[in-house]
Amino acid sequence: MTRVWLVDRDVDSRNTVTMTYATPDGERAFTRQAALDRLATRDGPTAAVDVEDDRLDPVDDRETVERYAAEAQRVAAENDPEDVL
């Protein structure tokens, strides 16, 4: 298991929230989707989740790796893993 931190979220026209979590180095990421109304009736996304290594995807773009790394490190420094963001 690897701990990954919330680095991005987006809501589309169908009210689906796409949350991207990344490793602190930004090299690997995990994406989760949920309906916006589901998140509103339950706790929202947490600062971090633990994910099986085989569910992590490599991040190929160097600029994205750097952005994910900076955001993962910021979120980790400012939040406990179970904090709802």
N, C-alpha and C. Protein backbone atom coordinates (compact mmCIF):
# COMPACT_ATOMS: atom_id res chain seq x y z
N MET A 1 0.84 -1.19 0.00
CA MET A 1 0.00 0.00 0.00
C MET A 1 0.88 1.25 0.00
N THR A 2 0.41 2.23 -0.71
CA THR A 2 1.12 3.50 -0.80
C THR A 2 0.15 4.62 -0.44
N ARG A 3 0.60 5.55 0.37
CA ARG A 3 -0.23 6.71 0.70
C ARG A 3 -0.06 7.75 -0.39
N VAL A 4 -1.20 8.23 -0.89
CA VAL A 4 -1.22 9.28 -1.92
C VAL A 4 -2.07 10.43 -1.40
N TRP A 5 -1.75 11.62 -1.88
CA TRP A 5 -2.36 12.86 -1.38
C TRP A 5 -3.16 13.54 -2.48
N LEU A 6 -4.27 14.17 -2.08
CA LEU A 6 -5.15 14.85 -3.04
C LEU A 6 -4.41 16.01 -3.70
N VAL A 7 -4.33 15.98 -5.02
CA VAL A 7 -3.62 17.03 -5.74
C VAL A 7 -4.50 17.78 -6.74
N ASP A 8 -5.67 17.22 -7.07
CA ASP A 8 -6.53 17.87 -8.05
C ASP A 8 -7.94 17.32 -7.93
N ARG A 9 -8.92 18.17 -8.19
CA ARG A 9 -10.30 17.70 -8.31
C ARG A 9 -11.00 18.56 -9.34
N ASP A 10 -11.92 17.93 -10.04
CA ASP A 10 -12.63 18.60 -11.12
C ASP A 10 -14.07 18.10 -11.14
N VAL A 11 -15.00 18.99 -11.43
CA VAL A 11 -16.41 18.63 -11.55
C VAL A 11 -16.81 18.83 -13.00
N ASP A 12 -17.40 17.79 -13.60
CA ASP A 12 -17.80 17.91 -15.01
C ASP A 12 -19.28 18.28 -15.12
N SER A 13 -19.79 18.36 -16.34
CA SER A 13 -21.16 18.78 -16.59
C SER A 13 -22.20 17.79 -16.07
N ARG A 14 -21.79 16.57 -15.78
CA ARG A 14 -22.70 15.56 -15.23
C ARG A 14 -22.65 15.53 -13.70
N ASN A 15 -21.98 16.52 -13.11
CA ASN A 15 -21.80 16.60 -11.65
C ASN A 15 -21.03 15.39 -11.11
N THR A 16 -20.08 14.94 -11.90
CA THR A 16 -19.17 13.89 -11.46
C THR A 16 -17.86 14.56 -11.03
N VAL A 17 -17.43 14.22 -9.83
CA VAL A 17 -16.18 14.78 -9.31
C VAL A 17 -15.06 13.78 -9.57
N THR A 18 -14.02 14.24 -10.23
CA THR A 18 -12.83 13.43 -10.46
C THR A 18 -11.74 13.94 -9.53
N MET A 19 -11.29 13.06 -8.64
CA MET A 19 -10.25 13.41 -7.67
C MET A 19 -8.97 12.69 -8.05
N THR A 20 -7.87 13.42 -8.11
CA THR A 20 -6.58 12.83 -8.41
C THR A 20 -5.71 12.91 -7.16
N TYR A 21 -5.18 11.77 -6.78
CA TYR A 21 -4.25 11.66 -5.65
C TYR A 21 -2.89 11.28 -6.22
N ALA A 22 -1.82 11.77 -5.65
CA ALA A 22 -0.48 11.46 -6.15
C ALA A 22 0.48 11.17 -5.00
N THR A 23 1.53 10.46 -5.34
CA THR A 23 2.61 10.20 -4.39
C THR A 23 3.34 11.52 -4.14
N PRO A 24 4.03 11.64 -3.00
CA PRO A 24 4.73 12.89 -2.70
C PRO A 24 5.77 13.31 -3.74
N ASP A 25 6.30 12.36 -4.50
CA ASP A 25 7.25 12.72 -5.55
C ASP A 25 6.56 13.06 -6.87
N GLY A 26 5.23 12.90 -6.93
CA GLY A 26 4.46 13.23 -8.13
C GLY A 26 4.59 12.23 -9.26
N GLU A 27 5.34 11.17 -9.06
CA GLU A 27 5.63 10.22 -10.14
C GLU A 27 4.50 9.24 -10.44
N ARG A 28 3.61 9.00 -9.45
CA ARG A 28 2.51 8.06 -9.65
C ARG A 28 1.22 8.68 -9.12
N ALA A 29 0.09 8.33 -9.77
CA ALA A 29 -1.18 8.94 -9.39
C ALA A 29 -2.31 7.90 -9.41
N PHE A 30 -3.36 8.23 -8.70
CA PHE A 30 -4.56 7.42 -8.60
C PHE A 30 -5.75 8.35 -8.79
N THR A 31 -6.72 7.94 -9.61
CA THR A 31 -7.89 8.77 -9.87
C THR A 31 -9.14 8.05 -9.38
N ARG A 32 -9.99 8.81 -8.72
CA ARG A 32 -11.25 8.28 -8.20
C ARG A 32 -12.36 9.23 -8.65
N GLN A 33 -13.53 8.66 -8.99
CA GLN A 33 -14.67 9.48 -9.37
C GLN A 33 -15.84 9.19 -8.44
N ALA A 34 -16.64 10.24 -8.20
CA ALA A 34 -17.84 10.09 -7.38
C ALA A 34 -18.85 11.15 -7.82
N ALA A 35 -20.11 10.83 -7.62
CA ALA A 35 -21.16 11.80 -7.92
C ALA A 35 -21.11 12.92 -6.89
N LEU A 36 -21.31 14.15 -7.35
CA LEU A 36 -21.25 15.31 -6.48
C LEU A 36 -22.27 15.18 -5.35
N ASP A 37 -23.49 14.73 -5.65
CA ASP A 37 -24.50 14.61 -4.59
C ASP A 37 -24.12 13.54 -3.57
N ARG A 38 -23.40 12.53 -3.99
CA ARG A 38 -22.94 11.50 -3.04
C ARG A 38 -21.92 12.10 -2.07
N LEU A 39 -21.02 12.92 -2.60
CA LEU A 39 -20.03 13.56 -1.74
C LEU A 39 -20.69 14.56 -0.79
N ALA A 40 -21.77 15.19 -1.25
CA ALA A 40 -22.45 16.19 -0.42
C ALA A 40 -23.20 15.54 0.73
N THR A 41 -23.67 14.32 0.56
CA THR A 41 -24.43 13.65 1.62
C THR A 41 -23.54 12.84 2.55
N ARG A 42 -22.33 12.62 2.16
CA ARG A 42 -21.35 11.91 2.99
C ARG A 42 -20.16 12.83 3.16
N ASP A 43 -19.18 12.37 3.89
CA ASP A 43 -17.95 13.15 3.99
C ASP A 43 -17.33 13.27 2.61
N GLY A 44 -16.73 14.40 2.34
CA GLY A 44 -16.07 14.63 1.07
C GLY A 44 -14.76 13.89 0.99
N PRO A 45 -13.96 14.20 -0.01
CA PRO A 45 -12.68 13.51 -0.18
C PRO A 45 -11.72 13.84 0.95
N THR A 46 -10.95 12.85 1.34
CA THR A 46 -9.95 13.06 2.39
C THR A 46 -8.64 13.53 1.78
N ALA A 47 -7.79 14.07 2.65
CA ALA A 47 -6.50 14.59 2.20
C ALA A 47 -5.63 13.50 1.59
N ALA A 48 -5.75 12.29 2.12
CA ALA A 48 -4.93 11.18 1.61
C ALA A 48 -5.72 9.88 1.64
N VAL A 49 -5.32 8.96 0.80
CA VAL A 49 -5.85 7.60 0.81
C VAL A 49 -4.67 6.64 0.64
N ASP A 50 -4.85 5.43 1.12
CA ASP A 50 -3.85 4.38 0.92
C ASP A 50 -4.34 3.49 -0.22
N VAL A 51 -3.47 3.29 -1.21
CA VAL A 51 -3.84 2.59 -2.43
C VAL A 51 -2.86 1.46 -2.70
N GLU A 52 -3.39 0.36 -3.19
CA GLU A 52 -2.53 -0.75 -3.63
C GLU A 52 -1.63 -0.24 -4.75
N ASP A 53 -0.38 -0.65 -4.74
CA ASP A 53 0.60 -0.18 -5.73
C ASP A 53 0.16 -0.44 -7.17
N ASP A 54 -0.52 -1.55 -7.40
CA ASP A 54 -0.91 -1.88 -8.78
C ASP A 54 -2.06 -1.00 -9.30
N ARG A 55 -2.64 -0.16 -8.44
CA ARG A 55 -3.70 0.76 -8.86
C ARG A 55 -3.15 2.16 -9.18
N LEU A 56 -1.85 2.35 -9.00
CA LEU A 56 -1.22 3.63 -9.29
C LEU A 56 -0.73 3.66 -10.72
N ASP A 57 -0.97 4.78 -11.39
CA ASP A 57 -0.52 4.96 -12.77
C ASP A 57 0.68 5.90 -12.80
N PRO A 58 1.62 5.64 -13.71
CA PRO A 58 2.75 6.56 -13.83
C PRO A 58 2.29 7.90 -14.41
N VAL A 59 2.94 8.96 -13.97
CA VAL A 59 2.68 10.30 -14.52
C VAL A 59 3.83 10.59 -15.47
N ASP A 60 3.52 10.73 -16.74
CA ASP A 60 4.55 10.82 -17.77
C ASP A 60 5.07 12.23 -18.04
N ASP A 61 4.22 13.21 -17.87
CA ASP A 61 4.58 14.58 -18.20
C ASP A 61 5.37 15.21 -17.05
N ARG A 62 6.58 15.69 -17.32
CA ARG A 62 7.47 16.25 -16.29
C ARG A 62 6.83 17.43 -15.56
N GLU A 63 6.14 18.30 -16.28
CA GLU A 63 5.49 19.46 -15.67
C GLU A 63 4.39 19.01 -14.70
N THR A 64 3.64 18.00 -15.09
CA THR A 64 2.58 17.47 -14.22
C THR A 64 3.19 16.80 -12.99
N VAL A 65 4.29 16.07 -13.17
CA VAL A 65 4.98 15.45 -12.04
C VAL A 65 5.37 16.52 -11.02
N GLU A 66 5.95 17.60 -11.50
CA GLU A 66 6.39 18.67 -10.61
C GLU A 66 5.20 19.33 -9.90
N ARG A 67 4.11 19.55 -10.63
CA ARG A 67 2.92 20.16 -10.03
C ARG A 67 2.30 19.23 -8.99
N TYR A 68 2.17 17.94 -9.32
CA TYR A 68 1.62 16.97 -8.38
C TYR A 68 2.51 16.87 -7.13
N ALA A 69 3.82 16.84 -7.31
CA ALA A 69 4.74 16.73 -6.18
C ALA A 69 4.58 17.93 -5.24
N ALA A 70 4.54 19.13 -5.80
CA ALA A 70 4.40 20.33 -4.98
C ALA A 70 3.08 20.32 -4.22
N GLU A 71 2.00 19.95 -4.89
CA GLU A 71 0.69 19.96 -4.24
C GLU A 71 0.58 18.83 -3.22
N ALA A 72 1.09 17.65 -3.52
CA ALA A 72 1.05 16.54 -2.56
C ALA A 72 1.83 16.89 -1.31
N GLN A 73 2.98 17.50 -1.47
CA GLN A 73 3.78 17.88 -0.31
C GLN A 73 3.10 18.98 0.50
N ARG A 74 2.44 19.92 -0.17
CA ARG A 74 1.72 20.99 0.53
C ARG A 74 0.55 20.42 1.33
N VAL A 75 -0.24 19.55 0.68
CA VAL A 75 -1.40 18.96 1.35
C VAL A 75 -0.94 18.11 2.54
N ALA A 76 0.12 17.34 2.37
CA ALA A 76 0.63 16.50 3.45
C ALA A 76 1.13 17.34 4.63
N ALA A 77 1.74 18.48 4.34
CA ALA A 77 2.27 19.33 5.40
C ALA A 77 1.16 20.04 6.18
N GLU A 78 0.04 20.32 5.50
CA GLU A 78 -1.02 21.12 6.12
C GLU A 78 -2.19 20.30 6.66
N ASN A 79 -2.23 18.99 6.37
CA ASN A 79 -3.40 18.18 6.73
C ASN A 79 -3.01 16.82 7.27
N ASP A 80 -3.88 16.27 8.10
CA ASP A 80 -3.79 14.87 8.46
C ASP A 80 -4.43 14.07 7.34
N PRO A 81 -4.01 12.82 7.15
CA PRO A 81 -4.56 12.02 6.05
C PRO A 81 -6.08 11.94 6.01
N GLU A 82 -6.73 11.89 7.19
CA GLU A 82 -8.18 11.72 7.23
C GLU A 82 -8.96 13.04 7.17
N ASP A 83 -8.26 14.16 7.10
CA ASP A 83 -8.96 15.46 7.00
C ASP A 83 -9.79 15.50 5.73
N VAL A 84 -11.01 15.99 5.84
CA VAL A 84 -11.89 16.15 4.68
C VAL A 84 -11.57 17.48 4.03
N LEU A 85 -11.32 17.44 2.74
CA LEU A 85 -10.98 18.67 2.01
C LEU A 85 -12.10 19.09 1.09
